[in-house]
Amino acid sequence: MAVMLHAQYEVADAGRFLEAFDGYDDARRRAGAVSRGLLSPADEPSVMVALIGFGTREEAEAFASDPDRAATLKAAGVTRTTDRILEVVRPVSPVGAA
């Protein structure tokens, strides 16, 4: 079953974080990620929320616990990370789509 890693980051410098996030695509791909997106609350620019899609829970768990990811996030100025693995019950789709 497809899953999404919901990763919430508190960042010291949004620009530095975005550069690191964009530069980590190859590692995500090697870990089995099939999609990714990044959101930020309009009133909290120091918070970033990544949604990273994987084919299996095991791939998402392995990626979330990868020491290289932790080191990359630390170097990017991430001060706190909260990860949750979510099962895709209904994929995101346009409103009214069947």
Foldseek 3Di string as FASTA:
>chain_A
DKKKKKKKWQFPDLVLLVVLVVVCVVVLVVLAWDDKDKDDPPVRSRMIIMITMHPDPVSVVCVVPDVVVVVSCVVSGTPDMDIDMGDPPDDDDDPPDD
